[in-house]
Amino acid sequence: MLALGTIGENEFMQQELSLRELFFALKKRWKGIVVCTLLGAMAAFFLSGYVLPKKYTSSLDLYVNNSNKVVESGNRNQNDLNAAQMLANTYIVILKNPEVLRQVATNMGNITVKELNEALTLKVADDTEVLRISAETEEPQLSADICNALAAVAPEVLQRVVKAGSVEVIGEATAATAPSSPNTKRNTVLGGLL
């Protein structure tokens, strides 16, 4: 028992010495550390602010109803919600189909199917019956136009393919006023830490 206690004390003393040595090593080189931190932060700030392309995100929401009948508010149950969420996930697959994207690209006239596919993100919003369409491009108006063009064809395409449920566009996508990426503040902090 005595031997174990001695080993524990020795390890503690070694850790204390190691921390003390580390502290003095950092104290000795603090100027270099500060300079490296500032250089890293400035490099990341410059890259984020002036080199990396700015991207703008726009989005709009579609409300998914799992049945064609009108349900009085308050009378929906968990099964209705689950069915609508599953239907929204089905809608995502359908709307990302190349034929649907080709139709949207043709309607827009200034974008390819590949560019549409890369710009678009579709997801169910926070376990709700809402399907969120988002687009991120280097042009704020183009991002909004992509969302609005897809929302314009979505109800007809979904009704034709699924033949059940309905979808309603909630509002309209507008052009973003500020870039969504790169995040200059976050990148500057990370550059300083690196």
N, C-alpha and C. Protein backbone atom coordinates (compact mmCIF):
# COMPACT_ATOMS: atom_id res chain seq x y z
N MET A 1 0.81 -1.18 0.00
CA MET A 1 0.00 0.00 0.00
C MET A 1 0.86 1.26 0.00
N LEU A 2 1.94 1.19 0.77
CA LEU A 2 2.85 2.32 0.87
C LEU A 2 3.51 2.60 -0.47
N ALA A 3 3.84 1.54 -1.20
CA ALA A 3 4.49 1.70 -2.51
C ALA A 3 3.56 2.40 -3.49
N LEU A 4 2.27 2.06 -3.47
CA LEU A 4 1.32 2.70 -4.38
C LEU A 4 1.19 4.19 -4.07
N GLY A 5 1.15 4.52 -2.81
CA GLY A 5 1.05 5.93 -2.41
C GLY A 5 2.27 6.71 -2.87
N THR A 6 3.44 6.11 -2.80
CA THR A 6 4.67 6.76 -3.23
C THR A 6 4.66 6.98 -4.74
N ILE A 7 4.18 6.00 -5.48
CA ILE A 7 4.12 6.14 -6.94
C ILE A 7 3.17 7.26 -7.31
N GLY A 8 2.03 7.32 -6.63
CA GLY A 8 1.06 8.39 -6.91
C GLY A 8 1.66 9.76 -6.66
N GLU A 9 2.41 9.92 -5.57
CA GLU A 9 3.04 11.20 -5.27
C GLU A 9 4.09 11.55 -6.31
N ASN A 10 4.85 10.57 -6.75
CA ASN A 10 5.88 10.81 -7.77
C ASN A 10 5.26 11.29 -9.07
N GLU A 11 4.16 10.62 -9.48
CA GLU A 11 3.48 11.03 -10.71
C GLU A 11 2.96 12.45 -10.57
N PHE A 12 2.41 12.77 -9.40
CA PHE A 12 1.90 14.13 -9.17
C PHE A 12 3.02 15.15 -9.27
N MET A 13 4.17 14.82 -8.69
CA MET A 13 5.32 15.73 -8.74
C MET A 13 5.80 15.90 -10.17
N GLN A 14 5.81 14.81 -10.96
CA GLN A 14 6.24 14.90 -12.35
C GLN A 14 5.28 15.77 -13.15
N GLN A 15 3.97 15.62 -12.90
CA GLN A 15 2.99 16.45 -13.60
C GLN A 15 3.17 17.90 -13.22
N GLU A 16 3.41 18.16 -11.93
CA GLU A 16 3.61 19.53 -11.47
C GLU A 16 4.84 20.13 -12.13
N LEU A 17 5.93 19.35 -12.22
CA LEU A 17 7.14 19.83 -12.88
C LEU A 17 6.88 20.05 -14.37
N SER A 18 6.13 19.15 -15.00
CA SER A 18 5.84 19.29 -16.42
C SER A 18 5.02 20.54 -16.69
N LEU A 19 4.03 20.80 -15.87
CA LEU A 19 3.21 22.00 -16.04
C LEU A 19 4.04 23.26 -15.81
N ARG A 20 4.91 23.21 -14.81
CA ARG A 20 5.77 24.35 -14.52
C ARG A 20 6.72 24.61 -15.70
N GLU A 21 7.29 23.52 -16.25
CA GLU A 21 8.18 23.66 -17.40
C GLU A 21 7.43 24.22 -18.60
N LEU A 22 6.21 23.73 -18.80
CA LEU A 22 5.38 24.22 -19.91
C LEU A 22 5.07 25.71 -19.74
N PHE A 23 4.73 26.11 -18.52
CA PHE A 23 4.44 27.51 -18.25
C PHE A 23 5.65 28.38 -18.56
N PHE A 24 6.82 27.97 -18.11
CA PHE A 24 8.02 28.77 -18.36
C PHE A 24 8.40 28.78 -19.84
N ALA A 25 8.16 27.66 -20.53
CA ALA A 25 8.44 27.62 -21.98
C ALA A 25 7.52 28.57 -22.72
N LEU A 26 6.23 28.59 -22.33
CA LEU A 26 5.28 29.53 -22.96
C LEU A 26 5.64 30.97 -22.62
N LYS A 27 6.03 31.20 -21.38
CA LYS A 27 6.38 32.56 -20.96
C LYS A 27 7.59 33.06 -21.73
N LYS A 28 8.53 32.16 -22.00
CA LYS A 28 9.75 32.51 -22.72
C LYS A 28 9.45 32.87 -24.18
N ARG A 29 8.45 32.20 -24.76
CA ARG A 29 8.15 32.38 -26.19
C ARG A 29 6.83 33.13 -26.43
N TRP A 30 6.37 33.90 -25.49
CA TRP A 30 5.06 34.53 -25.62
C TRP A 30 5.00 35.50 -26.81
N LYS A 31 6.07 36.17 -27.10
CA LYS A 31 6.06 37.11 -28.23
C LYS A 31 5.84 36.37 -29.55
N GLY A 32 6.54 35.26 -29.73
CA GLY A 32 6.37 34.46 -30.94
C GLY A 32 4.96 33.90 -31.06
N ILE A 33 4.38 33.50 -29.92
CA ILE A 33 3.02 32.96 -29.93
C ILE A 33 2.02 34.04 -30.32
N VAL A 34 2.18 35.23 -29.77
CA VAL A 34 1.29 36.35 -30.09
C VAL A 34 1.42 36.72 -31.57
N VAL A 35 2.65 36.78 -32.07
CA VAL A 35 2.87 37.13 -33.48
C VAL A 35 2.23 36.07 -34.39
N CYS A 36 2.44 34.79 -34.08
CA CYS A 36 1.86 33.71 -34.90
C CYS A 36 0.33 33.76 -34.86
N THR A 37 -0.24 34.05 -33.69
CA THR A 37 -1.69 34.15 -33.56
C THR A 37 -2.22 35.28 -34.43
N LEU A 38 -1.57 36.43 -34.36
CA LEU A 38 -2.01 37.57 -35.17
C LEU A 38 -1.85 37.30 -36.67
N LEU A 39 -0.75 36.68 -37.05
CA LEU A 39 -0.53 36.37 -38.47
C LEU A 39 -1.58 35.38 -38.98
N GLY A 40 -1.88 34.36 -38.18
CA GLY A 40 -2.90 33.39 -38.56
C GLY A 40 -4.27 34.03 -38.70
N ALA A 41 -4.62 34.89 -37.75
CA ALA A 41 -5.92 35.58 -37.79
C ALA A 41 -5.99 36.52 -38.99
N MET A 42 -4.92 37.26 -39.27
CA MET A 42 -4.92 38.18 -40.41
C MET A 42 -5.00 37.42 -41.73
N ALA A 43 -4.29 36.30 -41.84
CA ALA A 43 -4.34 35.50 -43.07
C ALA A 43 -5.75 34.96 -43.30
N ALA A 44 -6.38 34.45 -42.25
CA ALA A 44 -7.74 33.92 -42.38
C ALA A 44 -8.73 35.04 -42.72
N PHE A 45 -8.55 36.21 -42.11
CA PHE A 45 -9.42 37.35 -42.39
C PHE A 45 -9.28 37.77 -43.86
N PHE A 46 -8.05 37.85 -44.34
CA PHE A 46 -7.81 38.24 -45.73
C PHE A 46 -8.41 37.23 -46.70
N LEU A 47 -8.18 35.94 -46.43
CA LEU A 47 -8.73 34.90 -47.30
C LEU A 47 -10.26 34.95 -47.32
N SER A 48 -10.87 35.06 -46.14
CA SER A 48 -12.34 35.06 -46.06
C SER A 48 -12.94 36.31 -46.67
N GLY A 49 -12.28 37.43 -46.46
CA GLY A 49 -12.85 38.70 -46.92
C GLY A 49 -12.59 39.04 -48.37
N TYR A 50 -11.47 38.56 -48.92
CA TYR A 50 -11.07 39.03 -50.24
C TYR A 50 -10.77 37.94 -51.27
N VAL A 51 -10.50 36.71 -50.83
CA VAL A 51 -10.12 35.67 -51.78
C VAL A 51 -11.26 34.68 -52.03
N LEU A 52 -11.82 34.13 -50.98
CA LEU A 52 -12.89 33.14 -51.13
C LEU A 52 -14.14 33.80 -51.70
N PRO A 53 -14.84 33.12 -52.62
CA PRO A 53 -16.05 33.72 -53.20
C PRO A 53 -17.16 33.81 -52.16
N LYS A 54 -17.90 34.91 -52.21
CA LYS A 54 -19.03 35.10 -51.31
C LYS A 54 -20.23 34.34 -51.88
N LYS A 55 -20.95 33.66 -51.00
CA LYS A 55 -22.14 32.91 -51.41
C LYS A 55 -23.35 33.46 -50.67
N TYR A 56 -24.48 33.47 -51.37
CA TYR A 56 -25.72 34.01 -50.82
C TYR A 56 -26.78 32.92 -50.82
N THR A 57 -27.53 32.84 -49.73
CA THR A 57 -28.55 31.81 -49.59
C THR A 57 -29.93 32.44 -49.49
N SER A 58 -30.86 31.88 -50.26
CA SER A 58 -32.28 32.25 -50.16
C SER A 58 -33.05 30.98 -49.91
N SER A 59 -34.23 31.12 -49.30
CA SER A 59 -35.04 29.94 -49.06
C SER A 59 -36.52 30.31 -49.00
N LEU A 60 -37.34 29.28 -49.18
CA LEU A 60 -38.78 29.43 -48.99
C LEU A 60 -39.31 28.11 -48.48
N ASP A 61 -40.52 28.12 -47.96
CA ASP A 61 -41.11 26.94 -47.37
C ASP A 61 -42.36 26.50 -48.12
N LEU A 62 -42.57 25.19 -48.14
CA LEU A 62 -43.78 24.59 -48.69
C LEU A 62 -44.46 23.84 -47.56
N TYR A 63 -45.76 24.04 -47.41
CA TYR A 63 -46.51 23.30 -46.40
C TYR A 63 -47.05 22.02 -47.05
N VAL A 64 -46.78 20.89 -46.41
CA VAL A 64 -47.19 19.59 -46.94
C VAL A 64 -48.40 19.10 -46.16
N ASN A 65 -49.48 18.81 -46.88
CA ASN A 65 -50.68 18.25 -46.27
C ASN A 65 -50.83 16.83 -46.80
N ASN A 66 -50.98 15.85 -45.91
CA ASN A 66 -51.00 14.46 -46.34
C ASN A 66 -52.34 14.01 -46.91
N SER A 67 -53.36 14.86 -46.86
CA SER A 67 -54.64 14.47 -47.44
C SER A 67 -55.23 15.64 -48.20
N ASN A 68 -56.15 15.35 -49.09
CA ASN A 68 -56.78 16.40 -49.88
C ASN A 68 -57.95 17.04 -49.16
N LYS A 69 -58.40 16.44 -48.06
CA LYS A 69 -59.54 17.01 -47.34
C LYS A 69 -59.06 18.11 -46.40
N VAL A 70 -59.91 19.05 -46.14
CA VAL A 70 -59.59 20.14 -45.22
C VAL A 70 -59.86 19.66 -43.81
N VAL A 71 -58.86 19.79 -42.95
CA VAL A 71 -59.00 19.35 -41.57
C VAL A 71 -59.11 20.57 -40.67
N GLU A 72 -60.11 20.56 -39.79
CA GLU A 72 -60.27 21.68 -38.87
C GLU A 72 -59.07 21.73 -37.94
N SER A 73 -58.66 22.93 -37.60
CA SER A 73 -57.48 23.05 -36.74
C SER A 73 -57.76 22.40 -35.40
N GLY A 74 -56.77 21.74 -34.87
CA GLY A 74 -56.91 21.07 -33.59
C GLY A 74 -57.33 19.62 -33.72
N ASN A 75 -57.79 19.19 -34.88
CA ASN A 75 -58.26 17.82 -35.06
C ASN A 75 -57.22 16.92 -35.71
N ARG A 76 -56.02 17.37 -35.88
CA ARG A 76 -54.97 16.55 -36.47
C ARG A 76 -54.30 15.76 -35.37
N ASN A 77 -53.91 14.54 -35.68
CA ASN A 77 -53.25 13.72 -34.68
C ASN A 77 -51.81 13.41 -35.11
N GLN A 78 -51.12 12.65 -34.28
CA GLN A 78 -49.71 12.34 -34.54
C GLN A 78 -49.54 11.55 -35.83
N ASN A 79 -50.50 10.70 -36.15
CA ASN A 79 -50.43 9.92 -37.39
C ASN A 79 -50.45 10.84 -38.61
N ASP A 80 -51.29 11.90 -38.55
CA ASP A 80 -51.34 12.86 -39.65
C ASP A 80 -49.99 13.56 -39.81
N LEU A 81 -49.40 13.94 -38.69
CA LEU A 81 -48.10 14.62 -38.72
C LEU A 81 -47.02 13.69 -39.29
N ASN A 82 -46.99 12.45 -38.82
CA ASN A 82 -46.00 11.49 -39.32
C ASN A 82 -46.17 11.23 -40.82
N ALA A 83 -47.42 11.10 -41.24
CA ALA A 83 -47.68 10.87 -42.67
C ALA A 83 -47.23 12.06 -43.50
N ALA A 84 -47.47 13.28 -43.01
CA ALA A 84 -47.06 14.48 -43.74
C ALA A 84 -45.53 14.58 -43.81
N GLN A 85 -44.85 14.21 -42.73
CA GLN A 85 -43.38 14.25 -42.74
C GLN A 85 -42.82 13.22 -43.71
N MET A 86 -43.41 12.04 -43.75
CA MET A 86 -42.96 11.02 -44.71
C MET A 86 -43.23 11.48 -46.14
N LEU A 87 -44.36 12.13 -46.33
CA LEU A 87 -44.70 12.65 -47.65
C LEU A 87 -43.71 13.75 -48.05
N ALA A 88 -43.33 14.60 -47.10
CA ALA A 88 -42.35 15.65 -47.38
C ALA A 88 -41.02 15.06 -47.81
N ASN A 89 -40.60 13.97 -47.17
CA ASN A 89 -39.35 13.31 -47.56
C ASN A 89 -39.47 12.71 -48.96
N THR A 90 -40.64 12.20 -49.30
CA THR A 90 -40.88 11.70 -50.66
C THR A 90 -40.81 12.85 -51.66
N TYR A 91 -41.40 13.98 -51.30
CA TYR A 91 -41.38 15.16 -52.16
C TYR A 91 -39.95 15.61 -52.45
N ILE A 92 -39.06 15.51 -51.46
CA ILE A 92 -37.66 15.91 -51.64
C ILE A 92 -37.03 15.07 -52.76
N VAL A 93 -37.25 13.77 -52.72
CA VAL A 93 -36.68 12.88 -53.73
C VAL A 93 -37.22 13.24 -55.11
N ILE A 94 -38.52 13.50 -55.19
CA ILE A 94 -39.15 13.82 -56.47
C ILE A 94 -38.62 15.15 -57.01
N LEU A 95 -38.54 16.15 -56.15
CA LEU A 95 -38.12 17.48 -56.61
C LEU A 95 -36.64 17.54 -56.99
N LYS A 96 -35.83 16.62 -56.48
CA LYS A 96 -34.40 16.58 -56.85
C LYS A 96 -34.16 15.70 -58.09
N ASN A 97 -35.23 15.15 -58.65
CA ASN A 97 -35.11 14.31 -59.82
C ASN A 97 -34.59 15.13 -61.01
N PRO A 98 -33.69 14.58 -61.83
CA PRO A 98 -33.13 15.33 -62.96
C PRO A 98 -34.18 15.87 -63.93
N GLU A 99 -35.28 15.14 -64.12
CA GLU A 99 -36.33 15.62 -65.04
C GLU A 99 -37.00 16.88 -64.49
N VAL A 100 -37.25 16.91 -63.20
CA VAL A 100 -37.84 18.09 -62.58
C VAL A 100 -36.86 19.25 -62.64
N LEU A 101 -35.59 18.98 -62.34
CA LEU A 101 -34.57 20.03 -62.40
C LEU A 101 -34.39 20.54 -63.82
N ARG A 102 -34.51 19.65 -64.79
CA ARG A 102 -34.42 20.06 -66.20
C ARG A 102 -35.56 21.02 -66.55
N GLN A 103 -36.75 20.72 -66.03
CA GLN A 103 -37.90 21.60 -66.28
C GLN A 103 -37.67 22.98 -65.65
N VAL A 104 -37.14 23.00 -64.44
CA VAL A 104 -36.84 24.27 -63.76
C VAL A 104 -35.76 25.04 -64.53
N ALA A 105 -34.71 24.34 -64.95
CA ALA A 105 -33.62 24.98 -65.71
C ALA A 105 -34.15 25.56 -67.01
N THR A 106 -35.03 24.84 -67.69
CA THR A 106 -35.62 25.33 -68.94
C THR A 106 -36.46 26.58 -68.68
N ASN A 107 -37.25 26.55 -67.61
CA ASN A 107 -38.08 27.72 -67.27
C ASN A 107 -37.22 28.94 -66.94
N MET A 108 -36.09 28.70 -66.24
CA MET A 108 -35.22 29.83 -65.87
C MET A 108 -34.41 30.31 -67.07
N GLY A 109 -33.87 29.38 -67.86
CA GLY A 109 -33.14 29.74 -69.05
C GLY A 109 -31.69 30.14 -68.87
N ASN A 110 -31.24 30.35 -67.64
CA ASN A 110 -29.87 30.85 -67.43
C ASN A 110 -29.05 29.97 -66.49
N ILE A 111 -29.43 28.69 -66.36
CA ILE A 111 -28.74 27.81 -65.43
C ILE A 111 -28.83 26.37 -65.94
N THR A 112 -27.82 25.56 -65.61
CA THR A 112 -27.83 24.16 -66.03
C THR A 112 -28.41 23.28 -64.92
N VAL A 113 -28.74 22.06 -65.28
CA VAL A 113 -29.26 21.10 -64.30
C VAL A 113 -28.20 20.83 -63.23
N LYS A 114 -26.94 20.71 -63.65
CA LYS A 114 -25.85 20.46 -62.70
C LYS A 114 -25.72 21.62 -61.70
N GLU A 115 -25.77 22.85 -62.19
CA GLU A 115 -25.68 24.01 -61.30
C GLU A 115 -26.87 24.05 -60.34
N LEU A 116 -28.05 23.71 -60.83
CA LEU A 116 -29.24 23.66 -59.97
C LEU A 116 -29.04 22.63 -58.86
N ASN A 117 -28.61 21.46 -59.25
CA ASN A 117 -28.43 20.38 -58.28
C ASN A 117 -27.41 20.76 -57.21
N GLU A 118 -26.34 21.44 -57.59
CA GLU A 118 -25.32 21.86 -56.63
C GLU A 118 -25.81 22.98 -55.72
N ALA A 119 -26.66 23.84 -56.24
CA ALA A 119 -27.12 25.00 -55.46
C ALA A 119 -28.25 24.65 -54.49
N LEU A 120 -29.07 23.66 -54.84
CA LEU A 120 -30.28 23.36 -54.07
C LEU A 120 -30.04 22.49 -52.85
N THR A 121 -30.77 22.82 -51.78
CA THR A 121 -30.85 21.99 -50.59
C THR A 121 -32.32 21.92 -50.21
N LEU A 122 -32.83 20.70 -50.07
CA LEU A 122 -34.21 20.50 -49.65
C LEU A 122 -34.21 19.68 -48.37
N LYS A 123 -34.98 20.11 -47.39
CA LYS A 123 -35.06 19.35 -46.14
C LYS A 123 -36.37 19.65 -45.43
N VAL A 124 -36.75 18.73 -44.57
CA VAL A 124 -37.93 18.93 -43.73
C VAL A 124 -37.49 19.81 -42.57
N ALA A 125 -38.23 20.87 -42.32
CA ALA A 125 -37.83 21.85 -41.30
C ALA A 125 -38.21 21.38 -39.91
N ASP A 126 -37.21 21.04 -39.11
CA ASP A 126 -37.36 20.75 -37.68
C ASP A 126 -38.55 19.86 -37.33
N ASP A 127 -38.64 18.70 -37.90
CA ASP A 127 -39.70 17.74 -37.60
C ASP A 127 -41.10 18.34 -37.70
N THR A 128 -41.33 19.09 -38.77
CA THR A 128 -42.63 19.69 -39.02
C THR A 128 -43.17 19.16 -40.34
N GLU A 129 -44.26 19.74 -40.79
CA GLU A 129 -44.84 19.39 -42.08
C GLU A 129 -44.39 20.38 -43.15
N VAL A 130 -43.31 21.09 -42.87
CA VAL A 130 -42.81 22.12 -43.77
C VAL A 130 -41.57 21.62 -44.49
N LEU A 131 -41.60 21.75 -45.80
CA LEU A 131 -40.46 21.40 -46.65
C LEU A 131 -39.75 22.70 -47.03
N ARG A 132 -38.47 22.81 -46.65
CA ARG A 132 -37.71 24.03 -46.91
C ARG A 132 -36.83 23.85 -48.14
N ILE A 133 -37.00 24.78 -49.10
CA ILE A 133 -36.17 24.81 -50.31
C ILE A 133 -35.17 25.94 -50.13
N SER A 134 -33.88 25.63 -50.22
CA SER A 134 -32.82 26.64 -50.10
C SER A 134 -31.91 26.54 -51.31
N ALA A 135 -31.38 27.67 -51.72
CA ALA A 135 -30.40 27.70 -52.80
C ALA A 135 -29.26 28.63 -52.41
N GLU A 136 -28.02 28.18 -52.65
CA GLU A 136 -26.84 28.99 -52.34
C GLU A 136 -26.01 29.14 -53.60
N THR A 137 -25.84 30.40 -54.03
CA THR A 137 -25.02 30.70 -55.21
C THR A 137 -24.20 31.95 -54.91
N GLU A 138 -23.39 32.36 -55.89
CA GLU A 138 -22.59 33.56 -55.73
C GLU A 138 -23.38 34.82 -56.06
N GLU A 139 -24.60 34.69 -56.56
CA GLU A 139 -25.44 35.83 -56.89
C GLU A 139 -26.72 35.78 -56.05
N PRO A 140 -26.99 36.82 -55.25
CA PRO A 140 -28.16 36.78 -54.37
C PRO A 140 -29.48 36.62 -55.11
N GLN A 141 -29.65 37.30 -56.23
CA GLN A 141 -30.92 37.21 -56.96
C GLN A 141 -31.10 35.83 -57.59
N LEU A 142 -30.01 35.23 -58.05
CA LEU A 142 -30.09 33.90 -58.64
C LEU A 142 -30.55 32.88 -57.60
N SER A 143 -30.06 32.99 -56.38
CA SER A 143 -30.49 32.07 -55.31
C SER A 143 -31.99 32.16 -55.10
N ALA A 144 -32.51 33.39 -55.04
CA ALA A 144 -33.95 33.58 -54.86
C ALA A 144 -34.73 33.06 -56.06
N ASP A 145 -34.21 33.32 -57.26
CA ASP A 145 -34.90 32.87 -58.47
C ASP A 145 -34.99 31.34 -58.55
N ILE A 146 -33.94 30.66 -58.11
CA ILE A 146 -33.95 29.19 -58.13
C ILE A 146 -35.06 28.66 -57.21
N CYS A 147 -35.12 29.21 -56.00
CA CYS A 147 -36.16 28.77 -55.05
C CYS A 147 -37.55 29.02 -55.61
N ASN A 148 -37.76 30.21 -56.15
CA ASN A 148 -39.09 30.55 -56.67
C ASN A 148 -39.45 29.72 -57.90
N ALA A 149 -38.48 29.42 -58.76
CA ALA A 149 -38.75 28.61 -59.95
C ALA A 149 -39.11 27.18 -59.57
N LEU A 150 -38.41 26.61 -58.59
CA LEU A 150 -38.74 25.26 -58.15
C LEU A 150 -40.11 25.23 -57.47
N ALA A 151 -40.39 26.24 -56.67
CA ALA A 151 -41.70 26.31 -56.00
C ALA A 151 -42.84 26.48 -56.99
N ALA A 152 -42.56 27.11 -58.12
CA ALA A 152 -43.60 27.31 -59.13
C ALA A 152 -44.02 26.00 -59.79
N VAL A 153 -43.07 25.09 -60.00
CA VAL A 153 -43.41 23.82 -60.65
C VAL A 153 -43.76 22.73 -59.65
N ALA A 154 -43.40 22.89 -58.38
CA ALA A 154 -43.58 21.84 -57.38
C ALA A 154 -45.02 21.36 -57.22
N PRO A 155 -46.01 22.22 -57.02
CA PRO A 155 -47.37 21.71 -56.80
C PRO A 155 -47.88 20.83 -57.94
N GLU A 156 -47.68 21.26 -59.17
CA GLU A 156 -48.18 20.50 -60.32
C GLU A 156 -47.44 19.17 -60.47
N VAL A 157 -46.12 19.19 -60.33
CA VAL A 157 -45.31 17.97 -60.46
C VAL A 157 -45.67 16.98 -59.35
N LEU A 158 -45.76 17.45 -58.14
CA LEU A 158 -46.04 16.56 -57.01
C LEU A 158 -47.43 15.96 -57.10
N GLN A 159 -48.41 16.75 -57.49
CA GLN A 159 -49.77 16.24 -57.64
C GLN A 159 -49.83 15.20 -58.76
N ARG A 160 -49.12 15.45 -59.84
CA ARG A 160 -49.11 14.51 -60.97
C ARG A 160 -48.44 13.20 -60.60
N VAL A 161 -47.33 13.27 -59.87
CA VAL A 161 -46.57 12.06 -59.54
C VAL A 161 -47.18 11.30 -58.36
N VAL A 162 -47.47 12.00 -57.28
CA VAL A 162 -47.90 11.34 -56.05
C VAL A 162 -49.41 11.05 -56.05
N LYS A 163 -50.19 11.94 -56.63
CA LYS A 163 -51.65 11.80 -56.71
C LYS A 163 -52.31 11.72 -55.34
N ALA A 164 -51.65 12.25 -54.34
CA ALA A 164 -52.22 12.30 -52.99
C ALA A 164 -51.59 13.46 -52.26
N GLY A 165 -52.30 13.99 -51.30
CA GLY A 165 -51.78 15.10 -50.53
C GLY A 165 -51.75 16.37 -51.35
N SER A 166 -51.25 17.40 -50.73
CA SER A 166 -51.13 18.68 -51.42
C SER A 166 -49.95 19.44 -50.83
N VAL A 167 -49.54 20.43 -51.56
CA VAL A 167 -48.45 21.27 -51.10
C VAL A 167 -48.81 22.72 -51.41
N GLU A 168 -48.51 23.59 -50.46
CA GLU A 168 -48.81 25.00 -50.64
C GLU A 168 -47.55 25.82 -50.36
N VAL A 169 -47.25 26.75 -51.26
CA VAL A 169 -46.07 27.60 -51.11
C VAL A 169 -46.36 28.64 -50.04
N ILE A 170 -45.44 28.76 -49.08
CA ILE A 170 -45.58 29.76 -48.01
C ILE A 170 -44.64 30.90 -48.35
N GLY A 171 -45.16 31.98 -48.86
CA GLY A 171 -44.33 33.14 -49.16
C GLY A 171 -43.49 32.94 -50.41
N GLU A 172 -42.53 33.83 -50.57
CA GLU A 172 -41.67 33.85 -51.74
C GLU A 172 -40.24 34.09 -51.29
N ALA A 173 -39.31 33.50 -51.99
CA ALA A 173 -37.89 33.71 -51.66
C ALA A 173 -37.46 35.09 -52.12
N THR A 174 -36.66 35.76 -51.31
CA THR A 174 -36.12 37.07 -51.67
C THR A 174 -34.60 37.00 -51.68
N ALA A 175 -33.99 37.92 -52.40
CA ALA A 175 -32.53 37.95 -52.50
C ALA A 175 -31.92 38.32 -51.15
N ALA A 176 -30.89 37.61 -50.77
CA ALA A 176 -30.20 37.88 -49.51
C ALA A 176 -29.43 39.20 -49.61
N THR A 177 -29.38 39.91 -48.50
CA THR A 177 -28.66 41.18 -48.48
C THR A 177 -27.23 41.04 -47.97
N ALA A 178 -26.94 39.92 -47.32
CA ALA A 178 -25.59 39.66 -46.81
C ALA A 178 -25.18 38.24 -47.18
N PRO A 179 -23.89 38.02 -47.40
CA PRO A 179 -23.44 36.67 -47.76
C PRO A 179 -23.63 35.68 -46.61
N SER A 180 -23.93 34.43 -46.96
CA SER A 180 -24.05 33.38 -45.95
C SER A 180 -22.71 32.69 -45.71
N SER A 181 -21.81 32.80 -46.66
CA SER A 181 -20.46 32.26 -46.48
C SER A 181 -19.51 33.03 -47.38
N PRO A 182 -18.25 33.10 -47.06
CA PRO A 182 -17.62 32.53 -45.88
C PRO A 182 -17.93 33.36 -44.63
N ASN A 183 -17.85 32.71 -43.47
CA ASN A 183 -18.08 33.37 -42.19
C ASN A 183 -16.74 33.98 -41.74
N THR A 184 -16.56 35.26 -42.03
CA THR A 184 -15.27 35.92 -41.80
C THR A 184 -14.87 35.92 -40.33
N LYS A 185 -15.81 36.19 -39.43
CA LYS A 185 -15.48 36.23 -37.99
C LYS A 185 -15.01 34.87 -37.50
N ARG A 186 -15.78 33.82 -37.85
CA ARG A 186 -15.41 32.47 -37.40
C ARG A 186 -14.06 32.07 -37.98
N ASN A 187 -13.84 32.33 -39.27
CA ASN A 187 -12.58 31.95 -39.90
C ASN A 187 -11.40 32.70 -39.31
N THR A 188 -11.60 33.96 -38.93
CA THR A 188 -10.52 34.74 -38.32
C THR A 188 -10.14 34.14 -36.97
N VAL A 189 -11.13 33.78 -36.16
CA VAL A 189 -10.85 33.17 -34.87
C VAL A 189 -10.13 31.83 -35.05
N LEU A 190 -10.62 31.01 -35.99
CA LEU A 190 -9.96 29.72 -36.24
C LEU A 190 -8.54 29.90 -36.74
N GLY A 191 -8.32 30.90 -37.59
CA GLY A 191 -6.96 31.19 -38.09
C GLY A 191 -6.04 31.58 -36.94
N GLY A 192 -6.55 32.38 -36.00
CA GLY A 192 -5.75 32.75 -34.84
C GLY A 192 -5.42 31.55 -33.97
N LEU A 193 -6.39 30.68 -33.78
CA LEU A 193 -6.15 29.48 -32.96
C LEU A 193 -5.16 28.55 -33.62
N LEU A 194 -5.27 28.40 -34.94
CA LEU A 194 -4.32 27.52 -35.64
C LEU A 194 -2.91 28.08 -35.55
